PDB file of N, CA and C in Angstrom:
ATOM      1  N   MET A   1       0.827  -1.154  -0.077  1.00  0.00           N
ATOM      2  CA  MET A   1      -0.195   0.108  -0.009  1.00  0.00           C
ATOM      3  C   MET A   1       0.769   1.091   0.082  1.00  0.00           C
ATOM      4  N   ASP A   2       0.786   2.158  -0.906  1.00  0.00           N
ATOM      5  CA  ASP A   2       1.516   3.491  -1.056  1.00  0.00           C
ATOM      6  C   ASP A   2       0.828   4.431  -0.131  1.00  0.00           C
ATOM      7  N   PHE A   3       1.425   5.264   0.501  1.00  0.00           N
ATOM      8  CA  PHE A   3       1.106   6.246   1.281  1.00  0.00           C
ATOM      9  C   PHE A   3       1.519   7.469   0.722  1.00  0.00           C
ATOM     10  N   GLU A   4       0.667   8.850   1.152  1.00  0.00           N
ATOM     11  CA  GLU A   4       1.279   9.905   0.632  1.00  0.00           C
ATOM     12  C   GLU A   4       0.972  10.953   1.959  1.00  0.00           C
ATOM     13  N   ILE A   5       1.915  11.927   1.895  1.00  0.00           N
ATOM     14  CA  ILE A   5       1.731  12.969   2.920  1.00  0.00           C
ATOM     15  C   ILE A   5       1.006  13.950   2.430  1.00  0.00           C
ATOM     16  N   LEU A   6      -0.205  14.418   2.762  1.00  0.00           N
ATOM     17  CA  LEU A   6      -0.894  15.431   2.208  1.00  0.00           C
ATOM     18  C   LEU A   6      -0.502  16.831   3.016  1.00  0.00           C
ATOM     19  N   THR A   7      -0.208  17.933   2.211  1.00  0.00           N
ATOM     20  CA  THR A   7      -0.223  19.228   3.043  1.00  0.00           C
ATOM     21  C   THR A   7      -1.420  19.681   3.340  1.00  0.00           C
ATOM     22  N   ILE A   8      -1.522  20.672   4.208  1.00  0.00           N
ATOM     23  CA  ILE A   8      -2.677  21.589   4.490  1.00  0.00           C
ATOM     24  C   ILE A   8      -2.914  22.138   3.085  1.00  0.00           C
ATOM     25  N   GLU A   9      -2.024  22.709   2.454  1.00  0.00           N
ATOM     26  CA  GLU A   9      -2.157  23.495   1.084  1.00  0.00           C
ATOM     27  C   GLU A   9      -2.761  22.460  -0.032  1.00  0.00           C
ATOM     28  N   LYS A  10      -2.512  21.430   0.136  1.00  0.00           N
ATOM     29  CA  LYS A  10      -3.022  20.392  -0.807  1.00  0.00           C
ATOM     30  C   LYS A  10      -4.571  19.980  -0.563  1.00  0.00           C
ATOM     31  N   ILE A  11      -4.928  19.774   0.563  1.00  0.00           N
ATOM     32  CA  ILE A  11      -5.960  19.894   1.266  1.00  0.00           C
ATOM     33  C   ILE A  11      -7.098  20.911   0.855  1.00  0.00           C
ATOM     34  N   GLN A  12      -6.468  22.131   0.917  1.00  0.00           N
ATOM     35  CA  GLN A  12      -7.202  23.411   1.011  1.00  0.00           C
ATOM     36  C   GLN A  12      -7.497  23.488  -0.579  1.00  0.00           C
ATOM     37  N   CYS A  13      -6.531  23.270  -1.413  1.00  0.00           N
ATOM     38  CA  CYS A  13      -6.710  23.437  -2.960  1.00  0.00           C
ATOM     39  C   CYS A  13      -7.793  22.379  -3.298  1.00  0.00           C
ATOM     40  N   ALA A  14      -7.974  21.238  -2.785  1.00  0.00           N
ATOM     41  CA  ALA A  14      -9.027  20.321  -3.049  1.00  0.00           C
ATOM     42  C   ALA A  14      -9.956  20.995  -2.900  1.00  0.00           C
ATOM     43  N   PHE A  15     -10.364  21.210  -1.344  1.00  0.00           N
ATOM     44  CA  PHE A  15     -11.613  22.076  -0.948  1.00  0.00           C
ATOM     45  C   PHE A  15     -12.042  22.921  -1.962  1.00  0.00           C
ATOM     46  N   GLU A  16     -10.921  24.000  -2.402  1.00  0.00           N
ATOM     47  CA  GLU A  16     -11.295  25.229  -2.996  1.00  0.00           C
ATOM     48  C   GLU A  16     -11.880  24.866  -4.483  1.00  0.00           C
ATOM     49  N   ARG A  17     -11.254  23.657  -4.832  1.00  0.00           N
ATOM     50  CA  ARG A  17     -11.899  23.232  -6.645  1.00  0.00           C
ATOM     51  C   ARG A  17     -13.262  22.556  -6.284  1.00  0.00           C
ATOM     52  N   ALA A  18     -13.589  21.889  -4.893  1.00  0.00           N
ATOM     53  CA  ALA A  18     -14.799  21.442  -4.962  1.00  0.00           C
ATOM     54  C   ALA A  18     -16.068  22.462  -4.654  1.00  0.00           C
ATOM     55  N   LEU A  19     -15.284  23.463  -3.939  1.00  0.00           N
ATOM     56  CA  LEU A  19     -16.523  24.722  -3.813  1.00  0.00           C
ATOM     57  C   LEU A  19     -16.807  25.369  -4.792  1.00  0.00           C
ATOM     58  N   GLU A  20     -15.785  25.475  -5.894  1.00  0.00           N
ATOM     59  CA  GLU A  20     -16.187  25.867  -7.087  1.00  0.00           C
ATOM     60  C   GLU A  20     -17.372  25.274  -7.770  1.00  0.00           C
ATOM     61  N   LEU A  21     -17.709  24.104  -7.652  1.00  0.00           N
ATOM     62  CA  LEU A  21     -18.680  23.112  -7.864  1.00  0.00           C
ATOM     63  C   LEU A  21     -20.067  23.153  -7.300  1.00  0.00           C
ATOM     64  N   SER A  22     -19.889  23.404  -5.814  1.00  0.00           N
ATOM     65  CA  SER A  22     -20.977  23.494  -4.943  1.00  0.00           C
ATOM     66  C   SER A  22     -20.787  24.446  -4.159  1.00  0.00           C
ATOM     67  N   SER A  23     -21.689  25.513  -3.637  1.00  0.00           N
ATOM     68  CA  SER A  23     -21.244  26.625  -2.586  1.00  0.00           C
ATOM     69  C   SER A  23     -21.491  26.053  -1.202  1.00  0.00           C
ATOM     70  N   ASP A  24     -22.044  24.835  -1.144  1.00  0.00           N
ATOM     71  CA  ASP A  24     -22.260  24.273   0.213  1.00  0.00           C
ATOM     72  C   ASP A  24     -21.036  23.755   0.784  1.00  0.00           C
ATOM     73  N   ARG A  25     -20.367  24.337   1.724  1.00  0.00           N
ATOM     74  CA  ARG A  25     -19.124  23.920   2.245  1.00  0.00           C
ATOM     75  C   ARG A  25     -18.769  22.618   2.724  1.00  0.00           C
ATOM     76  N   GLU A  26     -20.116  21.940   3.389  1.00  0.00           N
ATOM     77  CA  GLU A  26     -20.261  20.594   3.834  1.00  0.00           C
ATOM     78  C   GLU A  26     -19.741  19.479   2.619  1.00  0.00           C
ATOM     79  N   LEU A  27     -20.596  19.912   1.720  1.00  0.00           N
ATOM     80  CA  LEU A  27     -20.623  18.983   0.283  1.00  0.00           C
ATOM     81  C   LEU A  27     -19.145  19.369  -0.350  1.00  0.00           C
ATOM     82  N   ALA A  28     -18.741  20.503  -0.400  1.00  0.00           N
ATOM     83  CA  ALA A  28     -17.295  20.776  -0.689  1.00  0.00           C
ATOM     84  C   ALA A  28     -16.247  19.894   0.191  1.00  0.00           C
ATOM     85  N   MET A  29     -16.442  19.999   1.351  1.00  0.00           N
ATOM     86  CA  MET A  29     -15.534  19.211   2.504  1.00  0.00           C
ATOM     87  C   MET A  29     -15.589  17.694   1.932  1.00  0.00           C
ATOM     88  N   ARG A  30     -16.685  17.064   1.719  1.00  0.00           N
ATOM     89  CA  ARG A  30     -16.840  15.604   1.578  1.00  0.00           C
ATOM     90  C   ARG A  30     -16.126  15.381   0.145  1.00  0.00           C
ATOM     91  N   ALA A  31     -16.429  16.373  -0.784  1.00  0.00           N
ATOM     92  CA  ALA A  31     -15.786  15.985  -1.981  1.00  0.00           C
ATOM     93  C   ALA A  31     -14.459  16.296  -1.970  1.00  0.00           C
ATOM     94  N   ALA A  32     -13.953  16.888  -1.284  1.00  0.00           N
ATOM     95  CA  ALA A  32     -12.329  17.073  -1.296  1.00  0.00           C
ATOM     96  C   ALA A  32     -11.689  15.701  -0.621  1.00  0.00           C
ATOM     97  N   ALA A  33     -12.483  15.415   0.816  1.00  0.00           N
ATOM     98  CA  ALA A  33     -11.999  14.199   1.207  1.00  0.00           C
ATOM     99  C   ALA A  33     -12.220  12.898   0.437  1.00  0.00           C
ATOM    100  N   GLN A  34     -13.057  12.790  -0.458  1.00  0.00           N
ATOM    101  CA  GLN A  34     -13.480  11.748  -1.161  1.00  0.00           C
ATOM    102  C   GLN A  34     -12.192  11.721  -2.265  1.00  0.00           C
ATOM    103  N   SER A  35     -11.857  12.595  -2.740  1.00  0.00           N
ATOM    104  CA  SER A  35     -10.847  13.025  -3.664  1.00  0.00           C
ATOM    105  C   SER A  35      -9.737  12.576  -3.291  1.00  0.00           C
ATOM    106  N   LEU A  36      -9.324  12.901  -2.093  1.00  0.00           N
ATOM    107  CA  LEU A  36      -8.092  12.511  -1.623  1.00  0.00           C
ATOM    108  C   LEU A  36      -7.772  11.341  -0.697  1.00  0.00           C
ATOM    109  N   SER A  37      -9.283  10.599  -0.562  1.00  0.00           N
ATOM    110  CA  SER A  37      -9.166   9.232   0.253  1.00  0.00           C
ATOM    111  C   SER A  37      -8.709   9.489   1.625  1.00  0.00           C
ATOM    112  N   ILE A  38      -9.337  10.617   2.341  1.00  0.00           N
ATOM    113  CA  ILE A  38      -8.987  10.730   3.821  1.00  0.00           C
ATOM    114  C   ILE A  38     -10.437  11.156   4.321  1.00  0.00           C
ATOM    115  N   PRO A  39     -10.427  11.084   5.459  1.00  0.00           N
ATOM    116  CA  PRO A  39     -11.888  11.251   6.403  1.00  0.00           C
ATOM    117  C   PRO A  39     -12.266  12.961   6.223  1.00  0.00           C
ATOM    118  N   VAL A  40     -13.377  13.101   6.341  1.00  0.00           N
ATOM    119  CA  VAL A  40     -13.876  14.234   6.145  1.00  0.00           C
ATOM    120  C   VAL A  40     -13.527  15.051   7.401  1.00  0.00           C
ATOM    121  N   ASP A  41     -13.280  14.607   8.481  1.00  0.00           N
ATOM    122  CA  ASP A  41     -12.885  15.210   9.813  1.00  0.00           C
ATOM    123  C   ASP A  41     -11.426  15.800   9.316  1.00  0.00           C
ATOM    124  N   SER A  42     -10.339  15.235   8.455  1.00  0.00           N
ATOM    125  CA  SER A  42      -9.124  15.468   8.127  1.00  0.00           C
ATOM    126  C   SER A  42      -9.072  16.861   7.348  1.00  0.00           C
ATOM    127  N   VAL A  43     -10.242  17.069   6.508  1.00  0.00           N
ATOM    128  CA  VAL A  43     -10.243  18.081   5.768  1.00  0.00           C
ATOM    129  C   VAL A  43     -10.795  19.031   6.515  1.00  0.00           C
ATOM    130  N   ARG A  44     -11.790  19.033   7.556  1.00  0.00           N
ATOM    131  CA  ARG A  44     -12.389  19.804   8.276  1.00  0.00           C
ATOM    132  C   ARG A  44     -10.949  20.656   9.204  1.00  0.00           C
ATOM    133  N   ASP A  45     -10.330  19.714   9.799  1.00  0.00           N
ATOM    134  CA  ASP A  45      -9.110  20.226  10.714  1.00  0.00           C
ATOM    135  C   ASP A  45      -7.998  21.008  10.012  1.00  0.00           C
ATOM    136  N   ALA A  46      -7.786  20.402   8.536  1.00  0.00           N
ATOM    137  CA  ALA A  46      -6.826  21.253   7.855  1.00  0.00           C
ATOM    138  C   ALA A  46      -7.506  22.600   7.601  1.00  0.00           C
ATOM    139  N   LEU A  47      -8.676  22.565   7.259  1.00  0.00           N
ATOM    140  CA  LEU A  47      -9.175  24.024   6.778  1.00  0.00           C
ATOM    141  C   LEU A  47      -9.208  25.025   8.257  1.00  0.00           C
ATOM    142  N   ALA A  48      -9.451  24.320   9.224  1.00  0.00           N
ATOM    143  CA  ALA A  48      -9.662  25.218  10.606  1.00  0.00           C
ATOM    144  C   ALA A  48      -8.282  25.703  10.804  1.00  0.00           C
ATOM    145  N   ILE A  49      -7.364  25.050  10.647  1.00  0.00           N
ATOM    146  CA  ILE A  49      -5.776  25.404  10.932  1.00  0.00           C
ATOM    147  C   ILE A  49      -5.544  26.346   9.955  1.00  0.00           C
ATOM    148  N   SER A  50      -5.597  26.111   8.615  1.00  0.00           N
ATOM    149  CA  SER A  50      -5.399  27.310   7.502  1.00  0.00           C
ATOM    150  C   SER A  50      -6.134  28.379   7.678  1.00  0.00           C
ATOM    151  N   GLU A  51      -7.161  28.525   8.288  1.00  0.00           N
ATOM    152  CA  GLU A  51      -8.225  29.848   8.721  1.00  0.00           C
ATOM    153  C   GLU A  51      -7.675  30.138  10.077  1.00  0.00           C
ATOM    154  N   GLY A  52      -7.140  29.606  10.587  1.00  0.00           N
ATOM    155  CA  GLY A  52      -6.418  30.416  11.755  1.00  0.00           C
ATOM    156  C   GLY A  52      -7.137  29.835  12.810  1.00  0.00           C
ATOM    157  N   ALA A  53      -8.268  29.017  13.007  1.00  0.00           N
ATOM    158  CA  ALA A  53      -9.026  28.547  13.848  1.00  0.00           C
ATOM    159  C   ALA A  53      -8.622  27.097  14.725  1.00  0.00           C
ATOM    160  N   PRO A  54      -8.983  27.284  15.952  1.00  0.00           N
ATOM    161  CA  PRO A  54      -8.418  26.045  16.748  1.00  0.00           C
ATOM    162  C   PRO A  54      -8.809  24.780  16.043  1.00  0.00           C
ATOM    163  N   ALA A  55      -8.118  23.999  16.036  1.00  0.00           N
ATOM    164  CA  ALA A  55      -8.655  22.408  15.446  1.00  0.00           C
ATOM    165  C   ALA A  55      -9.580  21.799  16.231  1.00  0.00           C
TER     166      ALA A  55
END
């Protein structure tokens, strides 16, 4: 099994791409998580860190 280290920037980019397709943040988080094969909570945590909010 191959593993890849995902940066917050990569997760944020996937979220922003998904957000262009749907203005619903929750759906965009789910789409980003699915495209990166990671849990939705990981996307949520990365976005919280990138936005300066406590995770």
